[in-house]
Structures are given as structure tokens and as C-alpha cells.
């Protein structure tokens, strides 16, 4: 009877731990309550975990088997057999995937397999007919062919995979067509690709999640996945910081130095302002602060390059000071945000 009352009563993790520390609650009842709060996994949770792991492992083993099978038997197979096997695999996976569209995770894993098999099909076609296309054509075509599956999947890892393909396309295009593997244009392109991805993700997640556009994208639950924004944001600010370092230490035209300086003066403060006052994300605030510290060190070492010891001392003191200020502000913001929630 007491368990039923406990089950029906509102539970709070903080209060429960406080009562446990004061030894005012029975340990068995506390264990039951912790299970209801999700602190201890239930039998249902364990079954779900095992089911998810088996699904992901089976998908990984399947795609690995496809790649290794072709690698081992490549010379022994006729070209129509090669294309037929990959096409048949795609068709089979596609049918099973859309038959299981009512199972969210199975549907998402199936679409992930389709995206990977698309790359395998393009690679097989290119190897058989030797089209002479550059590597960037392969990745760009792969990107275009899987966009629709990525959109309907509502699966964050697939969006990251699409972004990786876009970045790879940009790098290979710069190297194979423009013949530059490191230049202001390349770093600028990578920065804008990831900036666009970050802006679209945050806009959908925080400003359109409940609007028509957000509903068309599947609602706010998967768009609120913060690790995606963290990853894209860190990559963007890493690219921007790399760009600043390139123009600081390399001999580049003054126009490029001015353009990159303007971009840095816009996007570092703007990003910090947005994540401090609107989205409220300490992880990306810390990433931006770290990027600013690195840029400041770039500038110090470029101006005091003949006196390494003095540059190191100045850069160290500046880094410590900025770090202390940022940590102090973040602690205060954490308390303020918690107070606002309550």
C-alpha cells in the first residue's frame, strides 16, 4: 500500500537524496523511488538498451560485411554482379526500412544503411566504368543523393554525416580543382559551411520548433539534441580560428587580412551574445572563449615574435585572466538560469 502511495506521489531526485543522507527514508523504498526516477535502470530499460545495441551492431556488421565482401571478391565478379548485388542490397534494405517506419530507431538505422550503401554503389560504378571524375564529384554526388533520406530520417547522426560529406567535398574541390590545400578561400568556405549548418540547426531548434517549419521537420524533440549544436559550433569556431591564424602568420594580401578581421570581430562577440542571452549554452560559450584566447595568443606571438619569452609571459597572463573572468561569469550565469527556472 505504501509502495502504491509512493508510486502515485510526485518524486524529486534532490529531495530523495537529501532524505537518504539524513537516513529518514527506508533504503528499499528509496531504491524503488530511484527506479521510478530513472536513476536505477528498470527491466524495461535494460531490454530497450539491449535491443538498441543489437540493432546498431547488426547494422554495423552488415555494412562492414558488404564492404569487405567486395574488397575480397572484386576481381572474381562480373561488373553486372557487382552492381546488382549493391543495388539488390539497397532495394532490400529500403523495403525493410519503410516496412518498419512505425519503429523510429529501426527506421533511422535503415536509412543510415541506405546512405552508406549509396556511397558503396557510387564507388562501385566509378570503379567499373572509370568515369574519370574527381574525388570531389563522388562526395558531392553522394551528398545530393542522400539529402532526402537525411531529411526524413530526423536522425542527428545522419545530419552530421551529411555535413562531413559537404566539408570533404569543399576540401577536395580546393585541392583537386583550385590546387590549394591551405588558403584563405578554403578555410573561409569551411567556416561558412559550418556556420550555415549551425545557424539552420539553432533556428529550427529554438525559434521554429513549434512553428509550421519545425513541425514539418518532425517537431522539437530531436531538434533539441544539444550535442549536434556543440559539435557543429566547435567545428565552426575551430575553422574560424584556424583562418585567423592563417592570415596572422602567413603572407596574405591586406584585403584578406581585413576581411578575416571583420569576420572575427563579428562572429566571436555575436556567438557569445546569442549563447549567453538567448540559447543559454555554456558549452559553446566556453568554446568561443577558448577560441578568443587562442586568437589573442596568435596576435601576441605575431607582434612579439623576436622575444619568445616575453610573448609567452604576456600570452600566459592574458589566458589566465580571461579564463578566470569567463569561469566567474559562467558560475554566475548558471545560478541565474537555475533561479529563473524555479
Protein backbone atom coordinates (compact mmCIF):
# COMPACT_ATOMS: atom_id res chain seq x y z
CA UNK A 1 0.00 0.00 0.00
CA UNK A 2 2.88 2.33 0.89
CA UNK A 3 4.54 1.50 -2.42
CA UNK A 4 1.37 2.48 -4.26
CA UNK A 5 1.32 5.80 -2.40
CA UNK A 6 4.98 6.34 -3.25
CA UNK A 7 4.33 5.46 -6.86
CA UNK A 8 1.46 7.94 -7.11
CA UNK A 9 3.26 10.74 -5.25
CA UNK A 10 5.39 13.34 -7.06
CA UNK A 11 9.08 12.41 -6.82
CA UNK A 12 12.04 14.74 -6.74
CA UNK A 13 15.59 13.43 -7.02
CA UNK A 14 17.12 16.18 -4.91
CA UNK A 15 14.65 15.72 -2.05
CA UNK A 16 15.11 11.95 -2.15
CA UNK A 17 18.89 12.18 -1.92
CA UNK A 18 18.52 14.66 0.94
CA UNK A 19 16.27 12.25 2.83
CA UNK A 20 18.70 9.41 2.19
CA UNK A 21 21.59 11.47 3.55
CA UNK A 22 19.57 12.13 6.70
CA UNK A 23 18.59 8.42 6.91
CA UNK A 24 14.92 9.33 7.22
CA UNK A 25 13.67 7.00 4.48
CA UNK A 26 13.75 3.22 4.24
CA UNK A 27 16.51 2.07 1.81
CA UNK A 28 14.21 -0.39 0.00
CA UNK A 29 11.58 2.26 -0.58
CA UNK A 30 14.32 4.67 -1.67
CA UNK A 31 15.54 2.08 -4.18
CA UNK A 32 12.00 1.76 -5.54
CA UNK A 33 11.71 5.55 -5.84
CA UNK A 34 15.10 5.85 -7.54
CA UNK A 35 13.93 3.28 -10.05
CA UNK A 36 10.82 5.36 -10.77
CA UNK A 37 13.02 8.42 -11.28
CA UNK A 38 15.22 6.54 -13.74
CA UNK A 39 18.34 6.65 -11.57
CA UNK A 40 18.38 2.85 -11.48
CA UNK A 41 17.53 1.20 -14.83
CA UNK A 42 14.42 -0.94 -14.80
CA UNK A 43 14.00 -4.27 -16.57
CA UNK A 44 12.21 -2.46 -19.40
CA UNK A 45 15.12 -0.05 -19.76
CA UNK A 46 17.60 -2.93 -19.93
CA UNK A 47 15.57 -4.65 -22.65
CA UNK A 48 15.43 -1.41 -24.62
CA UNK A 49 19.20 -0.93 -24.25
CA UNK A 50 19.96 -4.48 -25.42
CA UNK A 51 17.50 -4.16 -28.31
CA UNK A 52 19.12 -0.88 -29.43
CA UNK A 53 22.65 -2.26 -29.14
CA UNK A 54 21.80 -5.38 -31.14
CA UNK A 55 20.14 -3.28 -33.84
CA UNK A 56 23.12 -0.92 -34.16
CA UNK A 57 25.67 -3.75 -34.04
CA UNK A 58 23.81 -5.78 -36.67
CA UNK A 59 23.64 -2.73 -38.96
CA UNK A 60 27.34 -2.07 -38.47
CA UNK A 61 28.27 -5.70 -39.14
CA UNK A 62 26.06 -5.75 -42.24
CA UNK A 63 27.63 -2.70 -43.83
CA UNK A 64 31.12 -3.91 -42.88
CA UNK A 65 30.34 -7.26 -44.48
CA UNK A 66 29.24 -5.57 -47.70
CA UNK A 67 32.45 -3.54 -47.97
CA UNK A 68 34.78 -6.42 -47.11
CA UNK A 69 32.95 -8.81 -49.42
CA UNK A 70 33.53 -6.52 -52.38
CA UNK A 71 37.12 -5.85 -51.39
CA UNK A 72 37.91 -9.58 -51.24
CA UNK A 73 35.97 -10.77 -54.30
CA UNK A 74 36.35 -7.73 -56.56
CA UNK A 75 38.39 -9.30 -59.36
CA UNK A 76 36.36 -12.51 -59.40
CA UNK A 77 32.98 -10.85 -60.01
CA UNK A 78 31.44 -9.63 -63.24
CA UNK A 79 30.58 -5.93 -63.33
CA UNK A 80 26.84 -6.63 -63.53
CA UNK A 81 27.11 -8.89 -60.48
CA UNK A 82 28.85 -6.12 -58.57
CA UNK A 83 26.24 -3.50 -59.38
CA UNK A 84 23.41 -6.00 -58.97
CA UNK A 85 24.50 -7.04 -55.51
CA UNK A 86 24.78 -3.47 -54.26
CA UNK A 87 21.51 -2.45 -55.93
CA UNK A 88 19.77 -5.54 -54.54
CA UNK A 89 21.10 -4.77 -51.09
CA UNK A 90 19.82 -1.21 -51.32
CA UNK A 91 16.42 -2.39 -52.51
CA UNK A 92 16.14 -4.96 -49.73
CA UNK A 93 17.22 -2.53 -47.02
CA UNK A 94 14.86 0.11 -48.43
CA UNK A 95 11.84 -2.20 -48.40
CA UNK A 96 12.54 -3.43 -44.86
CA UNK A 97 13.20 0.12 -43.66
CA UNK A 98 9.93 1.56 -44.93
CA UNK A 99 8.02 -1.50 -43.70
CA UNK A 100 9.38 -0.67 -40.23
CA UNK A 101 8.70 3.04 -40.47
CA UNK A 102 6.50 2.80 -37.37
CA UNK A 103 9.60 1.85 -35.35
CA UNK A 104 11.57 5.08 -35.09
CA UNK A 105 15.04 3.71 -34.33
CA UNK A 106 14.79 0.84 -36.83
CA UNK A 107 13.67 3.33 -39.49
CA UNK A 108 16.57 5.66 -38.72
CA UNK A 109 19.18 2.88 -38.74
CA UNK A 110 17.74 1.56 -42.01
CA UNK A 111 18.04 4.99 -43.63
CA UNK A 112 21.61 5.22 -42.36
CA UNK A 113 22.38 1.93 -44.09
CA UNK A 114 20.79 3.26 -47.28
CA UNK A 115 23.00 6.35 -47.14
CA UNK A 116 26.15 4.23 -46.73
CA UNK A 117 25.10 1.79 -49.45
CA UNK A 118 24.56 4.76 -51.78
CA UNK A 119 28.23 5.60 -51.37
CA UNK A 120 29.14 1.96 -52.00
CA UNK A 121 27.05 1.96 -55.19
CA UNK A 122 28.69 5.15 -56.48
CA UNK A 123 32.16 3.79 -55.70
CA UNK A 124 31.35 0.51 -57.45
CA UNK A 125 30.01 2.31 -60.51
CA UNK A 126 33.08 4.55 -60.66
CA UNK A 127 35.46 1.61 -60.38
CA UNK A 128 33.73 -0.39 -63.11
CA UNK A 129 33.31 2.33 -65.72
CA UNK A 130 36.27 4.56 -64.77
CA UNK A 131 34.35 7.77 -65.36
CA UNK A 132 37.40 9.92 -64.75
CA UNK A 133 35.54 12.09 -62.27
CA UNK A 134 37.45 13.73 -59.44
CA UNK A 135 37.02 12.60 -55.87
CA UNK A 136 35.06 15.73 -55.01
CA UNK A 137 32.47 14.74 -57.67
CA UNK A 138 31.96 11.46 -55.85
CA UNK A 139 31.36 13.10 -52.49
CA UNK A 140 29.20 15.86 -53.94
CA UNK A 141 27.03 13.34 -55.77
CA UNK A 142 26.80 11.23 -52.63
CA UNK A 143 25.65 14.30 -50.72
CA UNK A 144 22.93 15.16 -53.23
CA UNK A 145 21.58 11.62 -53.46
CA UNK A 146 21.08 11.14 -49.73
CA UNK A 147 19.63 14.55 -48.81
CA UNK A 148 16.02 13.36 -48.95
CA UNK A 149 16.76 10.38 -46.70
CA UNK A 150 18.59 12.57 -44.22
CA UNK A 151 15.66 15.00 -44.06
CA UNK A 152 13.01 12.34 -43.44
CA UNK A 153 15.18 10.38 -41.00
CA UNK A 154 15.02 13.01 -38.21
CA UNK A 155 18.26 11.36 -37.06
CA UNK A 156 21.01 13.75 -35.81
CA UNK A 157 23.97 11.44 -36.67
CA UNK A 158 22.86 11.40 -40.32
CA UNK A 159 22.82 15.20 -40.40
CA UNK A 160 26.37 15.19 -39.07
CA UNK A 161 27.30 12.64 -41.74
CA UNK A 162 25.83 14.91 -44.42
CA UNK A 163 27.85 17.82 -43.06
CA UNK A 164 31.03 15.71 -43.13
CA UNK A 165 30.38 14.93 -46.80
CA UNK A 166 29.93 18.63 -47.58
CA UNK A 167 33.15 19.56 -45.81
CA UNK A 168 35.01 16.77 -47.57
CA UNK A 169 33.67 17.97 -50.92
CA UNK A 170 34.91 21.50 -50.22
CA UNK A 171 38.39 20.32 -49.20
CA UNK A 172 38.78 18.02 -52.22
CA UNK A 173 37.46 20.68 -54.62
CA UNK A 174 40.03 23.15 -53.29
CA UNK A 175 42.82 20.62 -53.66
CA UNK A 176 41.93 19.00 -56.97
CA UNK A 177 40.46 21.92 -58.90
CA UNK A 178 41.88 25.06 -57.32
CA UNK A 179 45.16 23.30 -56.45
CA UNK A 180 45.30 24.81 -52.97
CA UNK A 181 45.18 22.68 -49.85
CA UNK A 182 45.66 25.58 -47.46
CA UNK A 183 44.40 29.04 -48.32
CA UNK A 184 42.14 31.76 -47.05
CA UNK A 185 39.44 30.69 -49.50
CA UNK A 186 39.43 27.08 -48.28
CA UNK A 187 39.24 27.97 -44.59
CA UNK A 188 36.64 30.62 -45.35
CA UNK A 189 34.50 28.11 -47.27
CA UNK A 190 34.69 25.56 -44.45
CA UNK A 191 33.81 28.26 -41.93
CA UNK A 192 30.72 29.36 -43.85
CA UNK A 193 29.54 25.78 -44.50
CA UNK A 194 29.58 25.03 -40.79
CA UNK A 195 28.22 28.45 -39.86
CA UNK A 196 25.24 27.89 -42.15
CA UNK A 197 24.65 24.43 -40.66
CA UNK A 198 24.85 25.81 -37.12
CA UNK A 199 22.54 28.73 -37.86
CA UNK A 200 19.92 26.48 -39.50
CA UNK A 201 20.04 23.95 -36.65
CA UNK A 202 19.71 26.57 -33.91
CA UNK A 203 16.97 28.43 -35.79
CA UNK A 204 14.90 25.28 -36.20
CA UNK A 205 15.56 24.12 -32.64
CA UNK A 206 14.89 27.35 -30.77
CA UNK A 207 12.79 29.59 -32.96
CA UNK A 208 10.82 27.28 -35.23
CA UNK A 209 10.45 24.04 -33.24
CA UNK A 210 6.79 24.68 -32.50
CA UNK A 211 6.02 26.58 -35.71
CA UNK A 212 4.99 25.16 -39.08
CA UNK A 213 8.55 24.71 -40.34
CA UNK A 214 9.60 22.95 -37.15
CA UNK A 215 6.60 20.61 -37.36
CA UNK A 216 7.46 19.77 -40.95
CA UNK A 217 10.92 18.78 -39.71
CA UNK A 218 9.41 16.45 -37.15
CA UNK A 219 8.86 18.57 -34.08
CA UNK A 220 11.21 19.79 -31.42
CA UNK A 221 12.28 16.56 -29.65
CA UNK A 222 15.16 15.59 -31.95
CA UNK A 223 16.00 19.17 -32.88
CA UNK A 224 16.74 19.88 -29.21
CA UNK A 225 19.68 17.44 -29.30
CA UNK A 226 22.42 19.67 -27.99
CA UNK A 227 25.46 17.55 -28.87
CA UNK A 228 24.81 18.28 -32.56
CA UNK A 229 24.95 22.04 -32.00
CA UNK A 230 28.04 21.60 -29.80
CA UNK A 231 29.86 19.61 -32.47
CA UNK A 232 28.95 21.94 -35.34
CA UNK A 233 29.66 25.04 -33.26
CA UNK A 234 33.07 23.79 -32.14
CA UNK A 235 33.98 22.90 -35.74
CA UNK A 236 32.86 26.33 -36.97
CA UNK A 237 34.86 28.25 -34.37
CA UNK A 238 37.84 25.94 -34.91
CA UNK A 239 37.72 26.73 -38.65
CA UNK A 240 37.34 30.46 -37.98
CA UNK A 241 40.23 30.41 -35.50
CA UNK A 242 42.34 28.45 -37.98
CA UNK A 243 41.50 31.07 -40.59
CA UNK A 244 42.59 33.88 -38.29
CA UNK A 245 45.82 32.05 -37.50
CA UNK A 246 46.49 31.57 -41.21
CA UNK A 247 46.19 35.27 -42.06
CA UNK A 248 48.18 36.25 -38.96
CA UNK A 249 51.21 34.07 -39.65
CA UNK A 250 51.15 33.73 -43.46
CA UNK A 251 51.95 36.36 -46.04
CA UNK A 252 48.49 37.16 -47.42
CA UNK A 253 47.07 40.29 -49.09
CA UNK A 254 45.90 43.08 -46.79
CA UNK A 255 42.37 42.80 -48.16
CA UNK A 256 42.14 39.19 -46.91
CA UNK A 257 43.54 40.23 -43.52
CA UNK A 258 40.91 42.96 -43.25
CA UNK A 259 38.08 40.65 -44.33
CA UNK A 260 39.03 37.94 -41.84
CA UNK A 261 39.46 40.53 -39.08
CA UNK A 262 35.94 41.83 -39.71
CA UNK A 263 34.52 38.30 -39.63
CA UNK A 264 36.29 37.57 -36.36
CA UNK A 265 35.11 40.83 -34.80
CA UNK A 266 31.54 39.94 -35.80
CA UNK A 267 31.16 36.24 -35.10
CA UNK A 268 33.08 35.86 -31.82
CA UNK A 269 31.07 38.52 -29.92
CA UNK A 270 27.84 37.66 -31.75
CA UNK A 271 28.09 33.97 -30.91
CA UNK A 272 28.90 34.68 -27.26
CA UNK A 273 26.00 37.13 -27.04
CA UNK A 274 23.49 34.71 -28.59
CA UNK A 275 24.52 31.75 -26.45
CA UNK A 276 24.62 33.89 -23.32
CA UNK A 277 21.30 35.70 -23.66
CA UNK A 278 19.06 33.57 -25.87
CA UNK A 279 20.03 29.93 -26.28
CA UNK A 280 21.87 29.75 -22.92
CA UNK A 281 24.55 27.21 -23.71
CA UNK A 282 27.66 27.14 -21.50
CA UNK A 283 29.49 24.61 -23.68
CA UNK A 284 29.57 26.84 -26.75
CA UNK A 285 30.23 29.91 -24.63
CA UNK A 286 33.32 28.14 -23.31
CA UNK A 287 34.33 27.09 -26.85
CA UNK A 288 34.05 30.69 -28.07
CA UNK A 289 36.02 32.00 -25.09
CA UNK A 290 38.75 29.43 -25.76
CA UNK A 291 38.85 30.45 -29.43
CA UNK A 292 39.21 34.12 -28.45
CA UNK A 293 42.11 33.22 -26.13
CA UNK A 294 43.83 31.32 -28.95
CA UNK A 295 43.35 34.24 -31.35
CA UNK A 296 44.76 36.65 -28.77
CA UNK A 297 47.80 34.39 -28.41
CA UNK A 298 48.21 34.35 -32.20
CA UNK A 299 48.28 38.15 -32.25
CA UNK A 300 50.70 38.39 -29.30
CA UNK A 301 53.19 35.94 -30.81
CA UNK A 302 52.99 37.64 -34.21
CA UNK A 303 53.83 41.07 -32.72
CA UNK A 304 56.46 39.86 -30.25
CA UNK A 305 57.91 37.07 -32.39
CA UNK A 306 61.54 38.08 -31.71
CA UNK A 307 61.18 37.78 -27.94
CA UNK A 308 59.65 34.36 -27.31
CA UNK A 309 59.94 34.55 -23.53
CA UNK A 310 58.13 37.89 -23.28
CA UNK A 311 55.43 36.69 -25.70
CA UNK A 312 54.92 33.53 -23.66
CA UNK A 313 54.65 35.52 -20.42
CA UNK A 314 52.15 38.00 -21.86
CA UNK A 315 50.08 35.27 -23.51
CA UNK A 316 50.06 33.18 -20.32
CA UNK A 317 48.94 36.06 -18.10
CA UNK A 318 46.25 37.05 -20.60
CA UNK A 319 44.98 33.48 -20.90
CA UNK A 320 44.79 33.08 -17.12
CA UNK A 321 42.98 36.40 -16.70
CA UNK A 322 40.42 35.73 -19.42
CA UNK A 323 39.84 32.19 -18.15
CA UNK A 324 39.17 33.43 -14.62
CA UNK A 325 36.72 36.05 -15.88
CA UNK A 326 34.87 33.56 -18.08
CA UNK A 327 34.61 30.96 -15.30
CA UNK A 328 33.39 33.61 -12.87
CA UNK A 329 30.71 34.75 -15.32
CA UNK A 330 29.63 31.19 -16.13
CA UNK A 331 29.20 30.32 -12.47
CA UNK A 332 27.04 33.41 -12.02
CA UNK A 333 25.03 32.62 -15.16
CA UNK A 334 24.42 29.05 -14.01
CA UNK A 335 22.96 30.29 -10.73
CA UNK A 336 20.89 32.92 -12.52
CA UNK A 337 19.47 30.43 -15.04
CA UNK A 338 18.56 27.96 -12.30
CA UNK A 339 16.86 30.72 -10.33
CA UNK A 340 14.89 31.76 -13.43
CA UNK A 341 13.73 28.17 -13.97
CA UNK A 342 12.45 27.97 -10.40
